[in-house]
PDB file of all heavy atoms in Angstrom:
ATOM      1  N   PHE A   1       9.773   2.227  -9.399  1.00  0.00           N
ATOM      2  CA  PHE A   1       9.944   3.669  -9.269  1.00  0.00           C
ATOM      3  C   PHE A   1       9.769   4.398 -10.600  1.00  0.00           C
ATOM      4  O   PHE A   1       9.626   5.631 -10.610  1.00  0.00           O
ATOM      5  CB  PHE A   1      11.307   3.998  -8.661  1.00  0.00           C
ATOM      6  CG  PHE A   1      11.384   3.716  -7.187  1.00  0.00           C
ATOM      7  CD1 PHE A   1      12.055   2.602  -6.708  1.00  0.00           C
ATOM      8  CD2 PHE A   1      10.764   4.558  -6.278  1.00  0.00           C
ATOM      9  CE1 PHE A   1      12.111   2.324  -5.340  1.00  0.00           C
ATOM     10  CE2 PHE A   1      10.812   4.304  -4.921  1.00  0.00           C
ATOM     11  CZ  PHE A   1      11.487   3.182  -4.451  1.00  0.00           C
ATOM     12  N   PHE A   2       9.797   3.666 -11.704  1.00  0.00           N
ATOM     13  CA  PHE A   2       9.592   4.305 -13.012  1.00  0.00           C
ATOM     14  C   PHE A   2       8.231   4.974 -13.084  1.00  0.00           C
ATOM     15  O   PHE A   2       8.106   6.128 -13.507  1.00  0.00           O
ATOM     16  CB  PHE A   2       9.738   3.267 -14.128  1.00  0.00           C
ATOM     17  CG  PHE A   2       9.314   3.772 -15.474  1.00  0.00           C
ATOM     18  CD1 PHE A   2      10.029   4.776 -16.109  1.00  0.00           C
ATOM     19  CD2 PHE A   2       8.189   3.251 -16.097  1.00  0.00           C
ATOM     20  CE1 PHE A   2       9.624   5.252 -17.356  1.00  0.00           C
ATOM     21  CE2 PHE A   2       7.784   3.722 -17.338  1.00  0.00           C
ATOM     22  CZ  PHE A   2       8.500   4.726 -17.964  1.00  0.00           C
ATOM     23  N   ASP A   3       7.188   4.260 -12.660  1.00  0.00           N
ATOM     24  CA  ASP A   3       5.843   4.831 -12.702  1.00  0.00           C
ATOM     25  C   ASP A   3       5.097   4.708 -11.366  1.00  0.00           C
ATOM     26  O   ASP A   3       3.901   4.977 -11.292  1.00  0.00           O
ATOM     27  CB  ASP A   3       5.017   4.165 -13.806  1.00  0.00           C
ATOM     28  CG  ASP A   3       4.942   2.645 -13.643  1.00  0.00           C
ATOM     29  OD1 ASP A   3       5.397   2.123 -12.596  1.00  0.00           O
ATOM     30  OD2 ASP A   3       4.433   1.980 -14.565  1.00  0.00           O
ATOM     31  N   MET A   4       5.811   4.313 -10.314  1.00  0.00           N
ATOM     32  CA  MET A   4       5.257   4.179  -8.970  1.00  0.00           C
ATOM     33  C   MET A   4       4.118   3.152  -8.904  1.00  0.00           C
ATOM     34  O   MET A   4       3.213   3.269  -8.080  1.00  0.00           O
ATOM     35  CB  MET A   4       4.760   5.537  -8.432  1.00  0.00           C
ATOM     36  CG  MET A   4       5.861   6.561  -8.263  1.00  0.00           C
ATOM     37  SD  MET A   4       7.112   6.017  -7.069  1.00  0.00           S
ATOM     38  CE  MET A   4       8.312   7.345  -7.159  1.00  0.00           C
ATOM     39  N   SER A   5       4.171   2.151  -9.757  1.00  0.00           N
ATOM     40  CA  SER A   5       3.155   1.106  -9.743  1.00  0.00           C
ATOM     41  C   SER A   5       3.572  -0.023  -8.803  1.00  0.00           C
ATOM     42  O   SER A   5       4.764  -0.244  -8.558  1.00  0.00           O
ATOM     43  CB  SER A   5       2.946   0.545 -11.153  1.00  0.00           C
ATOM     44  OG  SER A   5       4.143  -0.031 -11.655  1.00  0.00           O
ATOM     45  N   LEU A   6       2.593  -0.747  -8.267  1.00  0.00           N
ATOM     46  CA  LEU A   6       2.843  -1.858  -7.351  1.00  0.00           C
ATOM     47  C   LEU A   6       2.508  -3.178  -8.027  1.00  0.00           C
ATOM     48  O   LEU A   6       1.601  -3.263  -8.860  1.00  0.00           O
ATOM     49  CB  LEU A   6       1.990  -1.714  -6.087  1.00  0.00           C
ATOM     50  CG  LEU A   6       2.166  -0.459  -5.239  1.00  0.00           C
ATOM     51  CD1 LEU A   6       1.287  -0.550  -3.993  1.00  0.00           C
ATOM     52  CD2 LEU A   6       3.615  -0.243  -4.854  1.00  0.00           C
ATOM     53  N   SER A   7       3.237  -4.220  -7.647  1.00  0.00           N
ATOM     54  CA  SER A   7       2.955  -5.574  -8.119  1.00  0.00           C
ATOM     55  C   SER A   7       3.329  -6.562  -7.023  1.00  0.00           C
ATOM     56  O   SER A   7       3.919  -6.184  -6.009  1.00  0.00           O
ATOM     57  CB  SER A   7       3.742  -5.885  -9.404  1.00  0.00           C
ATOM     58  OG  SER A   7       5.140  -5.866  -9.147  1.00  0.00           O
ATOM     59  N   HIS A   8       2.967  -7.847  -7.218  1.00  0.00           N
ATOM     60  CA  HIS A   8       3.298  -8.906  -6.264  1.00  0.00           C
ATOM     61  C   HIS A   8       2.899  -8.506  -4.836  1.00  0.00           C
ATOM     62  O   HIS A   8       3.677  -8.659  -3.890  1.00  0.00           O
ATOM     63  CB  HIS A   8       4.784  -9.248  -6.321  1.00  0.00           C
ATOM     64  CG  HIS A   8       5.246  -9.759  -7.652  1.00  0.00           C
ATOM     65  ND1 HIS A   8       5.586  -8.916  -8.686  1.00  0.00           N
ATOM     66  CD2 HIS A   8       5.403 -11.024  -8.117  1.00  0.00           C
ATOM     67  CE1 HIS A   8       5.953  -9.642  -9.726  1.00  0.00           C
ATOM     68  NE2 HIS A   8       5.839 -10.922  -9.425  1.00  0.00           N
ATOM     69  N   ILE A   9       1.691  -7.975  -4.692  1.00  0.00           N
ATOM     70  CA  ILE A   9       1.216  -7.483  -3.393  1.00  0.00           C
ATOM     71  C   ILE A   9       0.707  -8.656  -2.561  1.00  0.00           C
ATOM     72  O   ILE A   9      -0.117  -9.440  -3.024  1.00  0.00           O
ATOM     73  CB  ILE A   9       0.085  -6.455  -3.599  1.00  0.00           C
ATOM     74  CG1 ILE A   9       0.588  -5.295  -4.479  1.00  0.00           C
ATOM     75  CG2 ILE A   9      -0.420  -5.937  -2.264  1.00  0.00           C
ATOM     76  CD1 ILE A   9      -0.526  -4.463  -5.067  1.00  0.00           C
ATOM     77  N   SER A  10       1.192  -8.781  -1.342  1.00  0.00           N
ATOM     78  CA  SER A  10       0.790  -9.891  -0.489  1.00  0.00           C
ATOM     79  C   SER A  10      -0.638  -9.681   0.020  1.00  0.00           C
ATOM     80  O   SER A  10      -1.025  -8.553   0.350  1.00  0.00           O
ATOM     81  CB  SER A  10       1.739 -10.041   0.696  1.00  0.00           C
ATOM     82  OG  SER A  10       1.654  -8.916   1.553  1.00  0.00           O
ATOM     83  N   PRO A  11      -1.432 -10.754   0.092  1.00  0.00           N
ATOM     84  CA  PRO A  11      -2.804 -10.639   0.617  1.00  0.00           C
ATOM     85  C   PRO A  11      -2.851 -10.109   2.044  1.00  0.00           C
ATOM     86  O   PRO A  11      -3.843  -9.501   2.448  1.00  0.00           O
ATOM     87  CB  PRO A  11      -3.322 -12.083   0.542  1.00  0.00           C
ATOM     88  CG  PRO A  11      -2.486 -12.741  -0.515  1.00  0.00           C
ATOM     89  CD  PRO A  11      -1.131 -12.122  -0.376  1.00  0.00           C
ATOM     90  N   SER A  12      -1.766 -10.304   2.800  1.00  0.00           N
ATOM     91  CA  SER A  12      -1.747  -9.885   4.203  1.00  0.00           C
ATOM     92  C   SER A  12      -1.822  -8.375   4.369  1.00  0.00           C
ATOM     93  O   SER A  12      -2.065  -7.877   5.468  1.00  0.00           O
ATOM     94  CB  SER A  12      -0.483 -10.410   4.894  1.00  0.00           C
ATOM     95  OG  SER A  12       0.693  -9.955   4.227  1.00  0.00           O
ATOM     96  N   ILE A  13      -1.613  -7.642   3.283  1.00  0.00           N
ATOM     97  CA  ILE A  13      -1.676  -6.186   3.396  1.00  0.00           C
ATOM     98  C   ILE A  13      -3.098  -5.741   3.749  1.00  0.00           C
ATOM     99  O   ILE A  13      -3.295  -4.677   4.355  1.00  0.00           O
ATOM    100  CB  ILE A  13      -1.185  -5.509   2.094  1.00  0.00           C
ATOM    101  CG1 ILE A  13      -0.694  -4.091   2.390  1.00  0.00           C
ATOM    102  CG2 ILE A  13      -2.274  -5.497   1.006  1.00  0.00           C
ATOM    103  CD1 ILE A  13       0.205  -3.512   1.316  1.00  0.00           C
ATOM    104  N   TYR A  14      -4.093  -6.562   3.398  1.00  0.00           N
ATOM    105  CA  TYR A  14      -5.471  -6.249   3.793  1.00  0.00           C
ATOM    106  C   TYR A  14      -5.695  -6.576   5.264  1.00  0.00           C
ATOM    107  O   TYR A  14      -6.292  -5.787   6.003  1.00  0.00           O
ATOM    108  CB  TYR A  14      -6.475  -7.030   2.936  1.00  0.00           C
ATOM    109  CG  TYR A  14      -7.905  -6.806   3.399  1.00  0.00           C
ATOM    110  CD1 TYR A  14      -8.578  -5.628   3.080  1.00  0.00           C
ATOM    111  CD2 TYR A  14      -8.551  -7.757   4.178  1.00  0.00           C
ATOM    112  CE1 TYR A  14      -9.874  -5.402   3.522  1.00  0.00           C
ATOM    113  CE2 TYR A  14      -9.857  -7.538   4.629  1.00  0.00           C
ATOM    114  CZ  TYR A  14     -10.506  -6.365   4.307  1.00  0.00           C
ATOM    115  OH  TYR A  14     -11.779  -6.144   4.762  1.00  0.00           O
ATOM    116  N   GLU A  15      -5.215  -7.730   5.698  1.00  0.00           N
ATOM    117  CA  GLU A  15      -5.407  -8.141   7.089  1.00  0.00           C
ATOM    118  C   GLU A  15      -4.731  -7.177   8.052  1.00  0.00           C
ATOM    119  O   GLU A  15      -5.230  -6.926   9.155  1.00  0.00           O
ATOM    120  CB  GLU A  15      -4.871  -9.559   7.298  1.00  0.00           C
ATOM    121  CG  GLU A  15      -5.599 -10.628   6.493  1.00  0.00           C
ATOM    122  CD  GLU A  15      -7.078 -10.672   6.808  1.00  0.00           C
ATOM    123  OE1 GLU A  15      -7.449 -10.452   7.978  1.00  0.00           O
ATOM    124  OE2 GLU A  15      -7.881 -10.895   5.877  1.00  0.00           O
ATOM    125  N   ILE A  16      -3.593  -6.614   7.653  1.00  0.00           N
ATOM    126  CA  ILE A  16      -2.835  -5.735   8.544  1.00  0.00           C
ATOM    127  C   ILE A  16      -3.300  -4.276   8.434  1.00  0.00           C
ATOM    128  O   ILE A  16      -3.546  -3.607   9.438  1.00  0.00           O
ATOM    129  CB  ILE A  16      -1.324  -5.835   8.240  1.00  0.00           C
ATOM    130  CG1 ILE A  16      -0.826  -7.263   8.498  1.00  0.00           C
ATOM    131  CG2 ILE A  16      -0.538  -4.835   9.089  1.00  0.00           C
ATOM    132  CD1 ILE A  16       0.608  -7.494   8.079  1.00  0.00           C
ATOM    133  N   HIS A  17      -3.418  -3.804   7.203  1.00  0.00           N
ATOM    134  CA  HIS A  17      -3.695  -2.375   7.001  1.00  0.00           C
ATOM    135  C   HIS A  17      -5.081  -2.073   6.444  1.00  0.00           C
ATOM    136  O   HIS A  17      -5.490  -0.904   6.411  1.00  0.00           O
ATOM    137  CB  HIS A  17      -2.648  -1.777   6.060  1.00  0.00           C
ATOM    138  CG  HIS A  17      -1.243  -1.879   6.569  1.00  0.00           C
ATOM    139  ND1 HIS A  17      -0.783  -1.140   7.638  1.00  0.00           N
ATOM    140  CD2 HIS A  17      -0.193  -2.649   6.165  1.00  0.00           C
ATOM    141  CE1 HIS A  17       0.492  -1.441   7.865  1.00  0.00           C
ATOM    142  NE2 HIS A  17       0.865  -2.346   6.991  1.00  0.00           N
ATOM    143  N   GLY A  18      -5.790  -3.094   5.963  1.00  0.00           N
ATOM    144  CA  GLY A  18      -7.119  -2.859   5.416  1.00  0.00           C
ATOM    145  C   GLY A  18      -7.129  -2.438   3.962  1.00  0.00           C
ATOM    146  O   GLY A  18      -8.173  -2.006   3.449  1.00  0.00           O
ATOM    147  N   PHE A  19      -5.973  -2.539   3.261  1.00  0.00           N
ATOM    148  CA  PHE A  19      -5.906  -2.171   1.852  1.00  0.00           C
ATOM    149  C   PHE A  19      -6.227  -3.373   0.970  1.00  0.00           C
ATOM    150  O   PHE A  19      -5.678  -4.461   1.172  1.00  0.00           O
ATOM    151  CB  PHE A  19      -4.514  -1.657   1.482  1.00  0.00           C
ATOM    152  CG  PHE A  19      -4.125  -0.380   2.182  1.00  0.00           C
ATOM    153  CD1 PHE A  19      -2.900  -0.272   2.825  1.00  0.00           C
ATOM    154  CD2 PHE A  19      -4.976   0.712   2.192  1.00  0.00           C
ATOM    155  CE1 PHE A  19      -2.525   0.900   3.467  1.00  0.00           C
ATOM    156  CE2 PHE A  19      -4.614   1.897   2.832  1.00  0.00           C
ATOM    157  CZ  PHE A  19      -3.390   1.984   3.476  1.00  0.00           C
ATOM    158  N   ALA A  20      -7.089  -3.196  -0.014  1.00  0.00           N
ATOM    159  CA  ALA A  20      -7.391  -4.268  -0.951  1.00  0.00           C
ATOM    160  C   ALA A  20      -6.236  -4.405  -1.941  1.00  0.00           C
ATOM    161  O   ALA A  20      -5.879  -3.415  -2.609  1.00  0.00           O
ATOM    162  CB  ALA A  20      -8.680  -3.962  -1.705  1.00  0.00           C
ATOM    163  N   PRO A  21      -5.613  -5.576  -2.051  1.00  0.00           N
ATOM    164  CA  PRO A  21      -4.478  -5.755  -2.968  1.00  0.00           C
ATOM    165  C   PRO A  21      -4.797  -5.380  -4.407  1.00  0.00           C
ATOM    166  O   PRO A  21      -3.912  -4.970  -5.149  1.00  0.00           O
ATOM    167  CB  PRO A  21      -4.163  -7.251  -2.843  1.00  0.00           C
ATOM    168  CG  PRO A  21      -4.663  -7.626  -1.493  1.00  0.00           C
ATOM    169  CD  PRO A  21      -5.896  -6.798  -1.285  1.00  0.00           C
ATOM    170  N   GLU A  22      -6.076  -5.499  -4.805  1.00  0.00           N
ATOM    171  CA  GLU A  22      -6.458  -5.229  -6.192  1.00  0.00           C
ATOM    172  C   GLU A  22      -6.470  -3.733  -6.522  1.00  0.00           C
ATOM    173  O   GLU A  22      -6.323  -3.349  -7.696  1.00  0.00           O
ATOM    174  CB  GLU A  22      -7.850  -5.806  -6.487  1.00  0.00           C
ATOM    175  CG  GLU A  22      -7.976  -7.311  -6.287  1.00  0.00           C
ATOM    176  CD  GLU A  22      -8.162  -7.691  -4.828  1.00  0.00           C
ATOM    177  OE1 GLU A  22      -8.440  -6.784  -3.998  1.00  0.00           O
ATOM    178  OE2 GLU A  22      -8.016  -8.889  -4.514  1.00  0.00           O
ATOM    179  N   THR A  23      -6.634  -2.896  -5.520  1.00  0.00           N
ATOM    180  CA  THR A  23      -6.797  -1.460  -5.792  1.00  0.00           C
ATOM    181  C   THR A  23      -5.769  -0.574  -5.079  1.00  0.00           C
ATOM    182  O   THR A  23      -5.745   0.636  -5.313  1.00  0.00           O
ATOM    183  CB  THR A  23      -8.206  -0.991  -5.367  1.00  0.00           C
ATOM    184  OG1 THR A  23      -8.393  -1.261  -3.965  1.00  0.00           O
ATOM    185  CG2 THR A  23      -9.275  -1.728  -6.174  1.00  0.00           C
ATOM    186  N   ILE A  24      -4.943  -1.131  -4.231  1.00  0.00           N
ATOM    187  CA  ILE A  24      -4.000  -0.330  -3.453  1.00  0.00           C
ATOM    188  C   ILE A  24      -3.027   0.414  -4.355  1.00  0.00           C
ATOM    189  O   ILE A  24      -2.604  -0.090  -5.397  1.00  0.00           O
ATOM    190  CB  ILE A  24      -3.226  -1.217  -2.444  1.00  0.00           C
ATOM    191  CG1 ILE A  24      -2.346  -0.344  -1.536  1.00  0.00           C
ATOM    192  CG2 ILE A  24      -2.398  -2.265  -3.162  1.00  0.00           C
ATOM    193  CD1 ILE A  24      -1.628  -1.142  -0.454  1.00  0.00           C
ATOM    194  N   THR A  25      -2.672   1.635  -3.969  1.00  0.00           N
ATOM    195  CA  THR A  25      -1.668   2.431  -4.675  1.00  0.00           C
ATOM    196  C   THR A  25      -0.499   2.707  -3.728  1.00  0.00           C
ATOM    197  O   THR A  25      -0.603   2.535  -2.507  1.00  0.00           O
ATOM    198  CB  THR A  25      -2.246   3.773  -5.154  1.00  0.00           C
ATOM    199  OG1 THR A  25      -2.558   4.587  -4.002  1.00  0.00           O
ATOM    200  CG2 THR A  25      -3.498   3.550  -5.988  1.00  0.00           C
ATOM    201  N   PHE A  26       0.603   3.178  -4.293  1.00  0.00           N
ATOM    202  CA  PHE A  26       1.762   3.486  -3.465  1.00  0.00           C
ATOM    203  C   PHE A  26       1.455   4.641  -2.516  1.00  0.00           C
ATOM    204  O   PHE A  26       1.942   4.671  -1.383  1.00  0.00           O
ATOM    205  CB  PHE A  26       2.960   3.823  -4.341  1.00  0.00           C
ATOM    206  CG  PHE A  26       4.276   3.819  -3.589  1.00  0.00           C
ATOM    207  CD1 PHE A  26       4.548   2.874  -2.612  1.00  0.00           C
ATOM    208  CD2 PHE A  26       5.251   4.762  -3.866  1.00  0.00           C
ATOM    209  CE1 PHE A  26       5.759   2.861  -1.924  1.00  0.00           C
ATOM    210  CE2 PHE A  26       6.463   4.767  -3.184  1.00  0.00           C
ATOM    211  CZ  PHE A  26       6.713   3.809  -2.207  1.00  0.00           C
ATOM    212  N   ASN A  27       0.637   5.576  -2.951  1.00  0.00           N
ATOM    213  CA  ASN A  27       0.253   6.676  -2.065  1.00  0.00           C
ATOM    214  C   ASN A  27      -0.556   6.182  -0.871  1.00  0.00           C
ATOM    215  O   ASN A  27      -0.514   6.773   0.211  1.00  0.00           O
ATOM    216  CB  ASN A  27      -0.534   7.731  -2.830  1.00  0.00           C
ATOM    217  CG  ASN A  27       0.371   8.737  -3.532  1.00  0.00           C
ATOM    218  OD1 ASN A  27       1.589   8.721  -3.338  1.00  0.00           O
ATOM    219  ND2 ASN A  27      -0.211   9.592  -4.346  1.00  0.00           N
ATOM    220  N   ASP A  28      -1.320   5.096  -1.065  1.00  0.00           N
ATOM    221  CA  ASP A  28      -2.033   4.493   0.073  1.00  0.00           C
ATOM    222  C   ASP A  28      -1.032   4.011   1.115  1.00  0.00           C
ATOM    223  O   ASP A  28      -1.216   4.212   2.319  1.00  0.00           O
ATOM    224  CB  ASP A  28      -2.899   3.325  -0.394  1.00  0.00           C
ATOM    225  CG  ASP A  28      -4.082   3.755  -1.234  1.00  0.00           C
ATOM    226  OD1 ASP A  28      -4.565   4.890  -1.035  1.00  0.00           O
ATOM    227  OD2 ASP A  28      -4.518   2.956  -2.083  1.00  0.00           O
ATOM    228  N   VAL A  29       0.019   3.343   0.641  1.00  0.00           N
ATOM    229  CA  VAL A  29       1.057   2.832   1.545  1.00  0.00           C
ATOM    230  C   VAL A  29       1.732   3.985   2.284  1.00  0.00           C
ATOM    231  O   VAL A  29       1.902   3.956   3.507  1.00  0.00           O
ATOM    232  CB  VAL A  29       2.111   2.018   0.767  1.00  0.00           C
ATOM    233  CG1 VAL A  29       3.241   1.585   1.695  1.00  0.00           C
ATOM    234  CG2 VAL A  29       1.474   0.809   0.111  1.00  0.00           C
ATOM    235  N   LEU A  30       2.103   5.021   1.533  1.00  0.00           N
ATOM    236  CA  LEU A  30       2.778   6.172   2.144  1.00  0.00           C
ATOM    237  C   LEU A  30       1.846   6.905   3.100  1.00  0.00           C
ATOM    238  O   LEU A  30       2.266   7.398   4.152  1.00  0.00           O
ATOM    239  CB  LEU A  30       3.270   7.128   1.060  1.00  0.00           C
ATOM    240  CG  LEU A  30       4.264   6.559   0.046  1.00  0.00           C
ATOM    241  CD1 LEU A  30       4.649   7.626  -0.978  1.00  0.00           C
ATOM    242  CD2 LEU A  30       5.509   6.016   0.739  1.00  0.00           C
ATOM    243  N   GLY A  31       0.565   6.961   2.750  1.00  0.00           N
ATOM    244  CA  GLY A  31      -0.408   7.655   3.593  1.00  0.00           C
ATOM    245  C   GLY A  31      -0.654   6.971   4.921  1.00  0.00           C
ATOM    246  O   GLY A  31      -1.172   7.584   5.850  1.00  0.00           O
ATOM    247  N   ALA A  32      -0.267   5.674   5.020  1.00  0.00           N
ATOM    248  CA  ALA A  32      -0.449   4.932   6.266  1.00  0.00           C
ATOM    249  C   ALA A  32       0.652   5.232   7.277  1.00  0.00           C
ATOM    250  O   ALA A  32       0.530   4.890   8.458  1.00  0.00           O
ATOM    251  CB  ALA A  32      -0.497   3.429   5.982  1.00  0.00           C
ATOM    252  N   ILE A  33       1.744   5.862   6.836  1.00  0.00           N
ATOM    253  CA  ILE A  33       2.830   6.218   7.753  1.00  0.00           C
ATOM    254  C   ILE A  33       2.327   7.258   8.752  1.00  0.00           C
ATOM    255  O   ILE A  33       1.620   8.195   8.385  1.00  0.00           O
ATOM    256  CB  ILE A  33       4.040   6.784   6.981  1.00  0.00           C
ATOM    257  CG1 ILE A  33       4.567   5.746   5.984  1.00  0.00           C
ATOM    258  CG2 ILE A  33       5.157   7.207   7.940  1.00  0.00           C
ATOM    259  CD1 ILE A  33       5.661   6.294   5.068  1.00  0.00           C
ATOM    260  N   HIS A  34       2.702   7.077  10.002  1.00  0.00           N
ATOM    261  CA  HIS A  34       2.283   8.037  11.037  1.00  0.00           C
ATOM    262  C   HIS A  34       2.757   9.441  10.647  1.00  0.00           C
ATOM    263  O   HIS A  34       3.919   9.624  10.268  1.00  0.00           O
ATOM    264  CB  HIS A  34       2.888   7.642  12.381  1.00  0.00           C
ATOM    265  CG  HIS A  34       2.253   8.326  13.555  1.00  0.00           C
ATOM    266  ND1 HIS A  34       2.404   9.681  13.794  1.00  0.00           N
ATOM    267  CD2 HIS A  34       1.468   7.846  14.572  1.00  0.00           C
ATOM    268  CE1 HIS A  34       1.750  10.010  14.899  1.00  0.00           C
ATOM    269  NE2 HIS A  34       1.167   8.920  15.381  1.00  0.00           N
ATOM    270  N   PRO A  35       1.879  10.451  10.731  1.00  0.00           N
ATOM    271  CA  PRO A  35       2.263  11.812  10.339  1.00  0.00           C
ATOM    272  C   PRO A  35       3.537  12.310  11.013  1.00  0.00           C
ATOM    273  O   PRO A  35       4.306  13.065  10.406  1.00  0.00           O
ATOM    274  CB  PRO A  35       1.041  12.650  10.756  1.00  0.00           C
ATOM    275  CG  PRO A  35      -0.105  11.694  10.712  1.00  0.00           C
ATOM    276  CD  PRO A  35       0.455  10.369  11.153  1.00  0.00           C
ATOM    277  N   GLU A  36       3.767  11.896  12.254  1.00  0.00           N
ATOM    278  CA  GLU A  36       4.962  12.353  12.970  1.00  0.00           C
ATOM    279  C   GLU A  36       6.224  11.650  12.493  1.00  0.00           C
ATOM    280  O   GLU A  36       7.330  12.096  12.821  1.00  0.00           O
ATOM    281  CB  GLU A  36       4.781  12.125  14.476  1.00  0.00           C
ATOM    282  CG  GLU A  36       3.682  12.968  15.100  1.00  0.00           C
ATOM    283  CD  GLU A  36       3.493  12.662  16.572  1.00  0.00           C
ATOM    284  OE1 GLU A  36       4.235  11.813  17.103  1.00  0.00           O
ATOM    285  OE2 GLU A  36       2.596  13.277  17.192  1.00  0.00           O
ATOM    286  N   ASP A  37       6.092  10.556  11.711  1.00  0.00           N
ATOM    287  CA  ASP A  37       7.259   9.806  11.240  1.00  0.00           C
ATOM    288  C   ASP A  37       7.582  10.083   9.776  1.00  0.00           C
ATOM    289  O   ASP A  37       8.627   9.644   9.278  1.00  0.00           O
ATOM    290  CB  ASP A  37       7.037   8.307  11.424  1.00  0.00           C
ATOM    291  CG  ASP A  37       7.113   7.879  12.883  1.00  0.00           C
ATOM    292  OD1 ASP A  37       7.465   8.738  13.722  1.00  0.00           O
ATOM    293  OD2 ASP A  37       6.812   6.708  13.184  1.00  0.00           O
TER     294      ASP A  37
END
């Protein structure tokens, strides 16, 4: 939370959400949340 950086990203994040572990950002994760939620 100091700089909103990600680490130790599981490879499965690509299989489930389509995000490349090498380039994913926290905003990508937040942007995947359903707009109504």
